[in-house]
Amino acid sequence: MTDHPRDLAALRRRLAEFAAARDWQPYHTPKNLAAALSVEAAELLEIFQWLTPEQSARVMTDPDTAHRVRDEVADVLAYLLQFCEVLGVDPLAALEAKIERNESRFPLGEAGGPEG
């Protein structure tokens, strides 16, 4: 494995450079990227489709299946990052804001939670 920065900004730049070098920007519309993201998420789901909960918890113990999972996770993340790039969404800020909203919507100790 090559030694590349693992920060989100560097990965976003690398994806943008990869697409630009291949003249893919005309195809990287929000609609197309959202569709591609959905397809890749479905491919990740396909790995787990007929597994029991116990089997799904052990999926990373099989090297071939683990490789497929990692590849699909990478595809999902790549399309999500490209989608965010095109629309100017900061994915970490969006996640942080969503967590904060959920903390307000679902306080500890209310029915339905682990403490409920």
PDB file of N, CA and C in Angstrom:
ATOM      1  N   MET A   1       0.846  -1.172   0.000  1.00  0.00           N
ATOM      2  CA  MET A   1       0.000   0.000   0.000  1.00  0.00           C
ATOM      3  C   MET A   1       0.891   1.236   0.000  1.00  0.00           C
ATOM      4  N   THR A   2       0.518   2.223  -0.817  1.00  0.00           N
ATOM      5  CA  THR A   2       1.323   3.429  -0.899  1.00  0.00           C
ATOM      6  C   THR A   2       1.056   4.320   0.302  1.00  0.00           C
ATOM      7  N   ASP A   3       2.006   5.196   0.584  1.00  0.00           N
ATOM      8  CA  ASP A   3       1.892   6.094   1.720  1.00  0.00           C
ATOM      9  C   ASP A   3       1.257   7.404   1.255  1.00  0.00           C
ATOM     10  N   HIS A   4      -0.056   7.517   1.415  1.00  0.00           N
ATOM     11  CA  HIS A   4      -0.801   8.711   1.031  1.00  0.00           C
ATOM     12  C   HIS A   4      -1.443   9.314   2.268  1.00  0.00           C
ATOM     13  N   PRO A   5      -1.651  10.637   2.243  1.00  0.00           N
ATOM     14  CA  PRO A   5      -2.354  11.249   3.363  1.00  0.00           C
ATOM     15  C   PRO A   5      -3.744  10.641   3.498  1.00  0.00           C
ATOM     16  N   ARG A   6      -4.172  10.465   4.733  1.00  0.00           N
ATOM     17  CA  ARG A   6      -5.463   9.849   4.960  1.00  0.00           C
ATOM     18  C   ARG A   6      -6.498  10.857   5.421  1.00  0.00           C
ATOM     19  N   ASP A   7      -6.220  12.158   5.221  1.00  0.00           N
ATOM     20  CA  ASP A   7      -7.220  13.128   5.625  1.00  0.00           C
ATOM     21  C   ASP A   7      -8.244  13.314   4.501  1.00  0.00           C
ATOM     22  N   LEU A   8      -9.430  13.719   4.881  1.00  0.00           N
ATOM     23  CA  LEU A   8     -10.541  13.820   3.956  1.00  0.00           C
ATOM     24  C   LEU A   8     -10.274  14.819   2.831  1.00  0.00           C
ATOM     25  N   ALA A   9      -9.702  15.962   3.153  1.00  0.00           N
ATOM     26  CA  ALA A   9      -9.433  16.976   2.133  1.00  0.00           C
ATOM     27  C   ALA A   9      -8.485  16.438   1.060  1.00  0.00           C
ATOM     28  N   ALA A  10      -7.472  15.716   1.482  1.00  0.00           N
ATOM     29  CA  ALA A  10      -6.513  15.157   0.517  1.00  0.00           C
ATOM     30  C   ALA A  10      -7.186  14.112  -0.367  1.00  0.00           C
ATOM     31  N   LEU A  11      -8.034  13.309   0.210  1.00  0.00           N
ATOM     32  CA  LEU A  11      -8.737  12.295  -0.583  1.00  0.00           C
ATOM     33  C   LEU A  11      -9.702  12.947  -1.568  1.00  0.00           C
ATOM     34  N   ARG A  12     -10.373  14.009  -1.138  1.00  0.00           N
ATOM     35  CA  ARG A  12     -11.289  14.723  -2.032  1.00  0.00           C
ATOM     36  C   ARG A  12     -10.513  15.316  -3.208  1.00  0.00           C
ATOM     37  N   ARG A  13      -9.360  15.910  -2.926  1.00  0.00           N
ATOM     38  CA  ARG A  13      -8.523  16.472  -4.006  1.00  0.00           C
ATOM     39  C   ARG A  13      -8.070  15.371  -4.959  1.00  0.00           C
ATOM     40  N   ARG A  14      -7.653  14.270  -4.400  1.00  0.00           N
ATOM     41  CA  ARG A  14      -7.169  13.161  -5.236  1.00  0.00           C
ATOM     42  C   ARG A  14      -8.275  12.634  -6.148  1.00  0.00           C
ATOM     43  N   LEU A  15      -9.477  12.501  -5.612  1.00  0.00           N
ATOM     44  CA  LEU A  15     -10.610  12.072  -6.438  1.00  0.00           C
ATOM     45  C   LEU A  15     -10.916  13.088  -7.531  1.00  0.00           C
ATOM     46  N   ALA A  16     -10.882  14.375  -7.186  1.00  0.00           N
ATOM     47  CA  ALA A  16     -11.153  15.420  -8.172  1.00  0.00           C
ATOM     48  C   ALA A  16     -10.095  15.408  -9.273  1.00  0.00           C
ATOM     49  N   GLU A  17      -8.850  15.240  -8.895  1.00  0.00           N
ATOM     50  CA  GLU A  17      -7.765  15.180  -9.877  1.00  0.00           C
ATOM     51  C   GLU A  17      -7.902  13.956 -10.772  1.00  0.00           C
ATOM     52  N   PHE A  18      -8.265  12.833 -10.192  1.00  0.00           N
ATOM     53  CA  PHE A  18      -8.466  11.594 -10.949  1.00  0.00           C
ATOM     54  C   PHE A  18      -9.552  11.798 -12.009  1.00  0.00           C
ATOM     55  N   ALA A  19     -10.690  12.379 -11.590  1.00  0.00           N
ATOM     56  CA  ALA A  19     -11.798  12.604 -12.520  1.00  0.00           C
ATOM     57  C   ALA A  19     -11.418  13.635 -13.581  1.00  0.00           C
ATOM     58  N   ALA A  20     -10.736  14.702 -13.171  1.00  0.00           N
ATOM     59  CA  ALA A  20     -10.350  15.749 -14.121  1.00  0.00           C
ATOM     60  C   ALA A  20      -9.388  15.216 -15.179  1.00  0.00           C
ATOM     61  N   ALA A  21      -8.458  14.383 -14.781  1.00  0.00           N
ATOM     62  CA  ALA A  21      -7.480  13.822 -15.720  1.00  0.00           C
ATOM     63  C   ALA A  21      -8.152  12.954 -16.780  1.00  0.00           C
ATOM     64  N   ARG A  22      -9.336  12.468 -16.484  1.00  0.00           N
ATOM     65  CA  ARG A  22     -10.061  11.598 -17.415  1.00  0.00           C
ATOM     66  C   ARG A  22     -11.250  12.309 -18.072  1.00  0.00           C
ATOM     67  N   ASP A  23     -11.354  13.627 -17.821  1.00  0.00           N
ATOM     68  CA  ASP A  23     -12.454  14.438 -18.364  1.00  0.00           C
ATOM     69  C   ASP A  23     -13.828  13.880 -17.985  1.00  0.00           C
ATOM     70  N   TRP A  24     -13.973  13.453 -16.738  1.00  0.00           N
ATOM     71  CA  TRP A  24     -15.234  12.889 -16.276  1.00  0.00           C
ATOM     72  C   TRP A  24     -16.175  13.927 -15.675  1.00  0.00           C
ATOM     73  N   GLN A  25     -15.722  15.179 -15.508  1.00  0.00           N
ATOM     74  CA  GLN A  25     -16.566  16.180 -14.855  1.00  0.00           C
ATOM     75  C   GLN A  25     -17.942  16.335 -15.506  1.00  0.00           C
ATOM     76  N   PRO A  26     -18.061  16.291 -16.840  1.00  0.00           N
ATOM     77  CA  PRO A  26     -19.406  16.444 -17.418  1.00  0.00           C
ATOM     78  C   PRO A  26     -20.394  15.375 -16.940  1.00  0.00           C
ATOM     79  N   TYR A  27     -19.868  14.233 -16.531  1.00  0.00           N
ATOM     80  CA  TYR A  27     -20.728  13.148 -16.073  1.00  0.00           C
ATOM     81  C   TYR A  27     -20.968  13.184 -14.565  1.00  0.00           C
ATOM     82  N   HIS A  28     -20.170  13.963 -13.869  1.00  0.00           N
ATOM     83  CA  HIS A  28     -20.259  14.017 -12.414  1.00  0.00           C
ATOM     84  C   HIS A  28     -21.241  15.103 -11.971  1.00  0.00           C
ATOM     85  N   THR A  29     -22.484  14.942 -12.410  1.00  0.00           N
ATOM     86  CA  THR A  29     -23.560  15.832 -11.985  1.00  0.00           C
ATOM     87  C   THR A  29     -24.095  15.318 -10.652  1.00  0.00           C
ATOM     88  N   PRO A  30     -24.752  16.168  -9.880  1.00  0.00           N
ATOM     89  CA  PRO A  30     -25.333  15.673  -8.623  1.00  0.00           C
ATOM     90  C   PRO A  30     -26.234  14.458  -8.828  1.00  0.00           C
ATOM     91  N   LYS A  31     -27.074  14.488  -9.861  1.00  0.00           N
ATOM     92  CA  LYS A  31     -27.972  13.356 -10.125  1.00  0.00           C
ATOM     93  C   LYS A  31     -27.193  12.080 -10.419  1.00  0.00           C
ATOM     94  N   ASN A  32     -26.209  12.173 -11.291  1.00  0.00           N
ATOM     95  CA  ASN A  32     -25.435  10.985 -11.651  1.00  0.00           C
ATOM     96  C   ASN A  32     -24.640  10.446 -10.465  1.00  0.00           C
ATOM     97  N   LEU A  33     -24.063  11.341  -9.677  1.00  0.00           N
ATOM     98  CA  LEU A  33     -23.292  10.891  -8.515  1.00  0.00           C
ATOM     99  C   LEU A  33     -24.194  10.294  -7.450  1.00  0.00           C
ATOM    100  N   ALA A  34     -25.384  10.864  -7.247  1.00  0.00           N
ATOM    101  CA  ALA A  34     -26.331  10.286  -6.289  1.00  0.00           C
ATOM    102  C   ALA A  34     -26.764   8.901  -6.750  1.00  0.00           C
ATOM    103  N   ALA A  35     -26.993   8.745  -8.052  1.00  0.00           N
ATOM    104  CA  ALA A  35     -27.370   7.434  -8.591  1.00  0.00           C
ATOM    105  C   ALA A  35     -26.231   6.430  -8.412  1.00  0.00           C
ATOM    106  N   ALA A  36     -25.022   6.846  -8.723  1.00  0.00           N
ATOM    107  CA  ALA A  36     -23.863   5.951  -8.574  1.00  0.00           C
ATOM    108  C   ALA A  36     -23.667   5.566  -7.116  1.00  0.00           C
ATOM    109  N   LEU A  37     -23.863   6.512  -6.214  1.00  0.00           N
ATOM    110  CA  LEU A  37     -23.757   6.238  -4.784  1.00  0.00           C
ATOM    111  C   LEU A  37     -24.783   5.193  -4.369  1.00  0.00           C
ATOM    112  N   SER A  38     -25.991   5.328  -4.853  1.00  0.00           N
ATOM    113  CA  SER A  38     -27.050   4.365  -4.539  1.00  0.00           C
ATOM    114  C   SER A  38     -26.709   2.972  -5.064  1.00  0.00           C
ATOM    115  N   VAL A  39     -26.188   2.910  -6.271  1.00  0.00           N
ATOM    116  CA  VAL A  39     -25.812   1.616  -6.868  1.00  0.00           C
ATOM    117  C   VAL A  39     -24.706   0.958  -6.045  1.00  0.00           C
ATOM    118  N   GLU A  40     -23.702   1.728  -5.665  1.00  0.00           N
ATOM    119  CA  GLU A  40     -22.600   1.154  -4.891  1.00  0.00           C
ATOM    120  C   GLU A  40     -23.069   0.719  -3.502  1.00  0.00           C
ATOM    121  N   ALA A  41     -23.969   1.484  -2.879  1.00  0.00           N
ATOM    122  CA  ALA A  41     -24.522   1.077  -1.589  1.00  0.00           C
ATOM    123  C   ALA A  41     -25.306  -0.223  -1.739  1.00  0.00           C
ATOM    124  N   ALA A  42     -26.014  -0.372  -2.852  1.00  0.00           N
ATOM    125  CA  ALA A  42     -26.742  -1.613  -3.109  1.00  0.00           C
ATOM    126  C   ALA A  42     -25.778  -2.785  -3.310  1.00  0.00           C
ATOM    127  N   GLU A  43     -24.639  -2.530  -3.938  1.00  0.00           N
ATOM    128  CA  GLU A  43     -23.645  -3.589  -4.103  1.00  0.00           C
ATOM    129  C   GLU A  43     -23.062  -4.006  -2.754  1.00  0.00           C
ATOM    130  N   LEU A  44     -22.907  -3.063  -1.845  1.00  0.00           N
ATOM    131  CA  LEU A  44     -22.481  -3.403  -0.487  1.00  0.00           C
ATOM    132  C   LEU A  44     -23.554  -4.237   0.203  1.00  0.00           C
ATOM    133  N   LEU A  45     -24.790  -3.824   0.075  1.00  0.00           N
ATOM    134  CA  LEU A  45     -25.900  -4.578   0.672  1.00  0.00           C
ATOM    135  C   LEU A  45     -25.990  -5.993   0.110  1.00  0.00           C
ATOM    136  N   GLU A  46     -25.709  -6.142  -1.170  1.00  0.00           N
ATOM    137  CA  GLU A  46     -25.791  -7.451  -1.818  1.00  0.00           C
ATOM    138  C   GLU A  46     -24.903  -8.488  -1.123  1.00  0.00           C
ATOM    139  N   ILE A  47     -23.776  -8.062  -0.613  1.00  0.00           N
ATOM    140  CA  ILE A  47     -22.868  -8.978   0.081  1.00  0.00           C
ATOM    141  C   ILE A  47     -23.554  -9.596   1.295  1.00  0.00           C
ATOM    142  N   PHE A  48     -24.413  -8.821   1.937  1.00  0.00           N
ATOM    143  CA  PHE A  48     -25.060  -9.241   3.185  1.00  0.00           C
ATOM    144  C   PHE A  48     -26.474  -9.780   2.986  1.00  0.00           C
ATOM    145  N   GLN A  49     -26.972  -9.742   1.767  1.00  0.00           N
ATOM    146  CA  GLN A  49     -28.382  -9.965   1.477  1.00  0.00           C
ATOM    147  C   GLN A  49     -28.987 -11.199   2.147  1.00  0.00           C
ATOM    148  N   TRP A  50     -28.365 -12.329   2.065  1.00  0.00           N
ATOM    149  CA  TRP A  50     -28.967 -13.561   2.578  1.00  0.00           C
ATOM    150  C   TRP A  50     -28.260 -14.096   3.814  1.00  0.00           C
ATOM    151  N   LEU A  51     -27.430 -13.293   4.427  1.00  0.00           N
ATOM    152  CA  LEU A  51     -26.713 -13.739   5.618  1.00  0.00           C
ATOM    153  C   LEU A  51     -27.571 -13.583   6.860  1.00  0.00           C
ATOM    154  N   THR A  52     -27.366 -14.470   7.807  1.00  0.00           N
ATOM    155  CA  THR A  52     -27.997 -14.303   9.112  1.00  0.00           C
ATOM    156  C   THR A  52     -27.262 -13.176   9.847  1.00  0.00           C
ATOM    157  N   PRO A  53     -27.851 -12.646  10.904  1.00  0.00           N
ATOM    158  CA  PRO A  53     -27.125 -11.635  11.679  1.00  0.00           C
ATOM    159  C   PRO A  53     -25.763 -12.137  12.162  1.00  0.00           C
ATOM    160  N   GLU A  54     -25.700 -13.396  12.554  1.00  0.00           N
ATOM    161  CA  GLU A  54     -24.438 -13.976  13.024  1.00  0.00           C
ATOM    162  C   GLU A  54     -23.419 -14.056  11.890  1.00  0.00           C
ATOM    163  N   GLN A  55     -23.854 -14.496  10.717  1.00  0.00           N
ATOM    164  CA  GLN A  55     -22.950 -14.569   9.576  1.00  0.00           C
ATOM    165  C   GLN A  55     -22.467 -13.178   9.166  1.00  0.00           C
ATOM    166  N   SER A  56     -23.364 -12.208   9.203  1.00  0.00           N
ATOM    167  CA  SER A  56     -22.976 -10.859   8.798  1.00  0.00           C
ATOM    168  C   SER A  56     -21.953 -10.260   9.759  1.00  0.00           C
ATOM    169  N   ALA A  57     -22.032 -10.632  11.027  1.00  0.00           N
ATOM    170  CA  ALA A  57     -21.066 -10.136  12.011  1.00  0.00           C
ATOM    171  C   ALA A  57     -19.672 -10.713  11.777  1.00  0.00           C
ATOM    172  N   ARG A  58     -19.593 -11.845  11.086  1.00  0.00           N
ATOM    173  CA  ARG A  58     -18.304 -12.505  10.831  1.00  0.00           C
ATOM    174  C   ARG A  58     -17.802 -12.299   9.400  1.00  0.00           C
ATOM    175  N   VAL A  59     -18.411 -11.415   8.658  1.00  0.00           N
ATOM    176  CA  VAL A  59     -18.121 -11.283   7.235  1.00  0.00           C
ATOM    177  C   VAL A  59     -16.654 -10.937   6.959  1.00  0.00           C
ATOM    178  N   MET A  60     -16.018 -10.233   7.865  1.00  0.00           N
ATOM    179  CA  MET A  60     -14.631  -9.826   7.621  1.00  0.00           C
ATOM    180  C   MET A  60     -13.627 -10.937   7.918  1.00  0.00           C
ATOM    181  N   THR A  61     -14.076 -12.078   8.396  1.00  0.00           N
ATOM    182  CA  THR A  61     -13.157 -13.184   8.664  1.00  0.00           C
ATOM    183  C   THR A  61     -12.792 -13.954   7.400  1.00  0.00           C
ATOM    184  N   ASP A  62     -13.603 -13.837   6.356  1.00  0.00           N
ATOM    185  CA  ASP A  62     -13.299 -14.481   5.080  1.00  0.00           C
ATOM    186  C   ASP A  62     -12.551 -13.475   4.205  1.00  0.00           C
ATOM    187  N   PRO A  63     -11.313 -13.772   3.831  1.00  0.00           N
ATOM    188  CA  PRO A  63     -10.514 -12.787   3.083  1.00  0.00           C
ATOM    189  C   PRO A  63     -11.168 -12.300   1.787  1.00  0.00           C
ATOM    190  N   ASP A  64     -11.793 -13.205   1.037  1.00  0.00           N
ATOM    191  CA  ASP A  64     -12.420 -12.793  -0.224  1.00  0.00           C
ATOM    192  C   ASP A  64     -13.602 -11.859   0.018  1.00  0.00           C
ATOM    193  N   THR A  65     -14.440 -12.204   0.981  1.00  0.00           N
ATOM    194  CA  THR A  65     -15.591 -11.364   1.293  1.00  0.00           C
ATOM    195  C   THR A  65     -15.134 -10.048   1.904  1.00  0.00           C
ATOM    196  N   ALA A  66     -14.135 -10.095   2.765  1.00  0.00           N
ATOM    197  CA  ALA A  66     -13.607  -8.870   3.370  1.00  0.00           C
ATOM    198  C   ALA A  66     -13.092  -7.922   2.292  1.00  0.00           C
ATOM    199  N   HIS A  67     -12.438  -8.469   1.286  1.00  0.00           N
ATOM    200  CA  HIS A  67     -11.937  -7.656   0.177  1.00  0.00           C
ATOM    201  C   HIS A  67     -13.104  -6.984  -0.562  1.00  0.00           C
ATOM    202  N   ARG A  68     -14.168  -7.744  -0.807  1.00  0.00           N
ATOM    203  CA  ARG A  68     -15.346  -7.189  -1.484  1.00  0.00           C
ATOM    204  C   ARG A  68     -15.972  -6.082  -0.649  1.00  0.00           C
ATOM    205  N   VAL A  69     -16.078  -6.301   0.658  1.00  0.00           N
ATOM    206  CA  VAL A  69     -16.652  -5.282   1.542  1.00  0.00           C
ATOM    207  C   VAL A  69     -15.819  -4.007   1.479  1.00  0.00           C
ATOM    208  N   ARG A  70     -14.508  -4.142   1.610  1.00  0.00           N
ATOM    209  CA  ARG A  70     -13.636  -2.962   1.568  1.00  0.00           C
ATOM    210  C   ARG A  70     -13.766  -2.226   0.233  1.00  0.00           C
ATOM    211  N   ASP A  71     -13.820  -2.966  -0.866  1.00  0.00           N
ATOM    212  CA  ASP A  71     -13.972  -2.337  -2.177  1.00  0.00           C
ATOM    213  C   ASP A  71     -15.281  -1.566  -2.280  1.00  0.00           C
ATOM    214  N   GLU A  72     -16.370  -2.157  -1.814  1.00  0.00           N
ATOM    215  CA  GLU A  72     -17.665  -1.471  -1.895  1.00  0.00           C
ATOM    216  C   GLU A  72     -17.726  -0.277  -0.953  1.00  0.00           C
ATOM    217  N   VAL A  73     -17.133  -0.401   0.228  1.00  0.00           N
ATOM    218  CA  VAL A  73     -17.059   0.746   1.139  1.00  0.00           C
ATOM    219  C   VAL A  73     -16.286   1.875   0.463  1.00  0.00           C
ATOM    220  N   ALA A  74     -15.198   1.539  -0.195  1.00  0.00           N
ATOM    221  CA  ALA A  74     -14.404   2.549  -0.903  1.00  0.00           C
ATOM    222  C   ALA A  74     -15.220   3.202  -2.018  1.00  0.00           C
ATOM    223  N   ASP A  75     -15.968   2.414  -2.766  1.00  0.00           N
ATOM    224  CA  ASP A  75     -16.792   2.964  -3.847  1.00  0.00           C
ATOM    225  C   ASP A  75     -17.863   3.903  -3.293  1.00  0.00           C
ATOM    226  N   VAL A  76     -18.531   3.490  -2.216  1.00  0.00           N
ATOM    227  CA  VAL A  76     -19.564   4.328  -1.599  1.00  0.00           C
ATOM    228  C   VAL A  76     -18.946   5.645  -1.127  1.00  0.00           C
ATOM    229  N   LEU A  77     -17.836   5.557  -0.430  1.00  0.00           N
ATOM    230  CA  LEU A  77     -17.192   6.758   0.088  1.00  0.00           C
ATOM    231  C   LEU A  77     -16.702   7.662  -1.039  1.00  0.00           C
ATOM    232  N   ALA A  78     -16.135   7.074  -2.079  1.00  0.00           N
ATOM    233  CA  ALA A  78     -15.638   7.871  -3.207  1.00  0.00           C
ATOM    234  C   ALA A  78     -16.771   8.648  -3.864  1.00  0.00           C
ATOM    235  N   TYR A  79     -17.888   7.981  -4.132  1.00  0.00           N
ATOM    236  CA  TYR A  79     -19.006   8.686  -4.757  1.00  0.00           C
ATOM    237  C   TYR A  79     -19.611   9.714  -3.812  1.00  0.00           C
ATOM    238  N   LEU A  80     -19.668   9.427  -2.522  1.00  0.00           N
ATOM    239  CA  LEU A  80     -20.190  10.401  -1.564  1.00  0.00           C
ATOM    240  C   LEU A  80     -19.292  11.641  -1.531  1.00  0.00           C
ATOM    241  N   LEU A  81     -17.988  11.436  -1.489  1.00  0.00           N
ATOM    242  CA  LEU A  81     -17.066  12.572  -1.472  1.00  0.00           C
ATOM    243  C   LEU A  81     -17.149  13.383  -2.761  1.00  0.00           C
ATOM    244  N   GLN A  82     -17.274  12.709  -3.898  1.00  0.00           N
ATOM    245  CA  GLN A  82     -17.403  13.428  -5.163  1.00  0.00           C
ATOM    246  C   GLN A  82     -18.722  14.198  -5.218  1.00  0.00           C
ATOM    247  N   PHE A  83     -19.789  13.607  -4.712  1.00  0.00           N
ATOM    248  CA  PHE A  83     -21.084  14.266  -4.632  1.00  0.00           C
ATOM    249  C   PHE A  83     -20.973  15.540  -3.790  1.00  0.00           C
ATOM    250  N   CYS A  84     -20.330  15.415  -2.637  1.00  0.00           N
ATOM    251  CA  CYS A  84     -20.141  16.568  -1.753  1.00  0.00           C
ATOM    252  C   CYS A  84     -19.301  17.640  -2.423  1.00  0.00           C
ATOM    253  N   GLU A  85     -18.283  17.242  -3.148  1.00  0.00           N
ATOM    254  CA  GLU A  85     -17.412  18.191  -3.846  1.00  0.00           C
ATOM    255  C   GLU A  85     -18.201  19.004  -4.863  1.00  0.00           C
ATOM    256  N   VAL A  86     -19.027  18.332  -5.648  1.00  0.00           N
ATOM    257  CA  VAL A  86     -19.801  18.992  -6.694  1.00  0.00           C
ATOM    258  C   VAL A  86     -20.797  19.990  -6.101  1.00  0.00           C
ATOM    259  N   LEU A  87     -21.394  19.641  -4.962  1.00  0.00           N
ATOM    260  CA  LEU A  87     -22.405  20.509  -4.361  1.00  0.00           C
ATOM    261  C   LEU A  87     -21.856  21.454  -3.294  1.00  0.00           C
ATOM    262  N   GLY A  88     -20.570  21.343  -2.992  1.00  0.00           N
ATOM    263  CA  GLY A  88     -19.986  22.218  -1.982  1.00  0.00           C
ATOM    264  C   GLY A  88     -20.418  21.881  -0.565  1.00  0.00           C
ATOM    265  N   VAL A  89     -20.663  20.614  -0.301  1.00  0.00           N
ATOM    266  CA  VAL A  89     -21.062  20.160   1.032  1.00  0.00           C
ATOM    267  C   VAL A  89     -19.822  19.690   1.782  1.00  0.00           C
ATOM    268  N   ASP A  90     -19.644  20.179   2.995  1.00  0.00           N
ATOM    269  CA  ASP A  90     -18.582  19.673   3.865  1.00  0.00           C
ATOM    270  C   ASP A  90     -19.156  18.461   4.591  1.00  0.00           C
ATOM    271  N   PRO A  91     -18.736  17.242   4.219  1.00  0.00           N
ATOM    272  CA  PRO A  91     -19.376  16.052   4.796  1.00  0.00           C
ATOM    273  C   PRO A  91     -19.176  15.929   6.301  1.00  0.00           C
ATOM    274  N   LEU A  92     -18.024  16.347   6.803  1.00  0.00           N
ATOM    275  CA  LEU A  92     -17.799  16.249   8.251  1.00  0.00           C
ATOM    276  C   LEU A  92     -18.652  17.260   9.003  1.00  0.00           C
ATOM    277  N   ALA A  93     -18.804  18.461   8.468  1.00  0.00           N
ATOM    278  CA  ALA A  93     -19.673  19.457   9.098  1.00  0.00           C
ATOM    279  C   ALA A  93     -21.128  19.001   9.043  1.00  0.00           C
ATOM    280  N   ALA A  94     -21.530  18.410   7.918  1.00  0.00           N
ATOM    281  CA  ALA A  94     -22.901  17.906   7.796  1.00  0.00           C
ATOM    282  C   ALA A  94     -23.160  16.797   8.807  1.00  0.00           C
ATOM    283  N   LEU A  95     -22.195  15.899   8.979  1.00  0.00           N
ATOM    284  CA  LEU A  95     -22.346  14.815   9.945  1.00  0.00           C
ATOM    285  C   LEU A  95     -22.410  15.349  11.365  1.00  0.00           C
ATOM    286  N   GLU A  96     -21.531  16.288  11.679  1.00  0.00           N
ATOM    287  CA  GLU A  96     -21.529  16.858  13.022  1.00  0.00           C
ATOM    288  C   GLU A  96     -22.867  17.540  13.336  1.00  0.00           C
ATOM    289  N   ALA A  97     -23.386  18.305  12.376  1.00  0.00           N
ATOM    290  CA  ALA A  97     -24.671  18.980  12.571  1.00  0.00           C
ATOM    291  C   ALA A  97     -25.799  17.965  12.749  1.00  0.00           C
ATOM    292  N   LYS A  98     -25.759  16.877  11.992  1.00  0.00           N
ATOM    293  CA  LYS A  98     -26.792  15.839  12.089  1.00  0.00           C
ATOM    294  C   LYS A  98     -26.725  15.143  13.444  1.00  0.00           C
ATOM    295  N   ILE A  99     -25.525  14.837  13.915  1.00  0.00           N
ATOM    296  CA  ILE A  99     -25.378  14.204  15.240  1.00  0.00           C
ATOM    297  C   ILE A  99     -25.946  15.123  16.309  1.00  0.00           C
ATOM    298  N   GLU A 100     -25.640  16.416  16.219  1.00  0.00           N
ATOM    299  CA  GLU A 100     -26.150  17.371  17.210  1.00  0.00           C
ATOM    300  C   GLU A 100     -27.671  17.431  17.181  1.00  0.00           C
ATOM    301  N   ARG A 101     -28.276  17.436  15.983  1.00  0.00           N
ATOM    302  CA  ARG A 101     -29.743  17.423  15.887  1.00  0.00           C
ATOM    303  C   ARG A 101     -30.311  16.145  16.488  1.00  0.00           C
ATOM    304  N   ASN A 102     -29.668  15.018  16.204  1.00  0.00           N
ATOM    305  CA  ASN A 102     -30.156  13.743  16.742  1.00  0.00           C
ATOM    306  C   ASN A 102     -30.021  13.686  18.256  1.00  0.00           C
ATOM    307  N   GLU A 103     -28.962  14.275  18.798  1.00  0.00           N
ATOM    308  CA  GLU A 103     -28.807  14.309  20.257  1.00  0.00           C
ATOM    309  C   GLU A 103     -29.943  15.095  20.902  1.00  0.00           C
ATOM    310  N   SER A 104     -30.390  16.148  20.230  1.00  0.00           N
ATOM    311  CA  SER A 104     -31.516  16.933  20.738  1.00  0.00           C
ATOM    312  C   SER A 104     -32.835  16.186  20.556  1.00  0.00           C
ATOM    313  N   ARG A 105     -32.987  15.533  19.418  1.00  0.00           N
ATOM    314  CA  ARG A 105     -34.236  14.808  19.120  1.00  0.00           C
ATOM    315  C   ARG A 105     -34.392  13.558  19.962  1.00  0.00           C
ATOM    316  N   PHE A 106     -33.289  12.915  20.294  1.00  0.00           N
ATOM    317  CA  PHE A 106     -33.332  11.638  21.005  1.00  0.00           C
ATOM    318  C   PHE A 106     -32.469  11.691  22.260  1.00  0.00           C
ATOM    319  N   PRO A 107     -32.903  12.442  23.267  1.00  0.00           N
ATOM    320  CA  PRO A 107     -32.092  12.542  24.488  1.00  0.00           C
ATOM    321  C   PRO A 107     -32.003  11.206  25.207  1.00  0.00           C
ATOM    322  N   LEU A 108     -30.932  11.033  25.969  1.00  0.00           N
ATOM    323  CA  LEU A 108     -30.749   9.814  26.744  1.00  0.00           C
ATOM    324  C   LEU A 108     -31.891   9.647  27.727  1.00  0.00           C
ATOM    325  N   GLY A 109     -32.264   8.396  27.961  1.00  0.00           N
ATOM    326  CA  GLY A 109     -33.281   8.101  28.965  1.00  0.00           C
ATOM    327  C   GLY A 109     -34.694   8.096  28.454  1.00  0.00           C
ATOM    328  N   GLU A 110     -34.911   8.469  27.188  1.00  0.00           N
ATOM    329  CA  GLU A 110     -36.268   8.418  26.643  1.00  0.00           C
ATOM    330  C   GLU A 110     -36.555   7.024  26.106  1.00  0.00           C
ATOM    331  N   ALA A 111     -37.827   6.676  26.018  1.00  0.00           N
ATOM    332  CA  ALA A 111     -38.245   5.354  25.548  1.00  0.00           C
ATOM    333  C   ALA A 111     -37.624   5.060  24.183  1.00  0.00           C
ATOM    334  N   GLY A 112     -37.230   3.818  24.010  1.00  0.00           N
ATOM    335  CA  GLY A 112     -36.695   3.366  22.742  1.00  0.00           C
ATOM    336  C   GLY A 112     -35.180   3.329  22.676  1.00  0.00           C
ATOM    337  N   GLY A 113     -34.514   3.967  23.615  1.00  0.00           N
ATOM    338  CA  GLY A 113     -33.057   3.955  23.623  1.00  0.00           C
ATOM    339  C   GLY A 113     -32.526   2.942  24.608  1.00  0.00           C
ATOM    340  N   PRO A 114     -31.211   2.750  24.654  1.00  0.00           N
ATOM    341  CA  PRO A 114     -30.632   1.781  25.563  1.00  0.00           C
ATOM    342  C   PRO A 114     -30.927   2.093  27.025  1.00  0.00           C
ATOM    343  N   GLU A 115     -31.105   3.364  27.331  1.00  0.00           N
ATOM    344  CA  GLU A 115     -31.382   3.764  28.707  1.00  0.00           C
ATOM    345  C   GLU A 115     -32.880   3.872  28.953  1.00  0.00           C
ATOM    346  N   GLY A 116     -33.714   3.655  27.890  1.00  0.00           N
ATOM    347  CA  GLY A 116     -35.161   3.869  27.978  1.00  0.00           C
ATOM    348  C   GLY A 116     -35.821   2.766  28.671  1.00  0.00           C
TER     349      GLY A 116
END
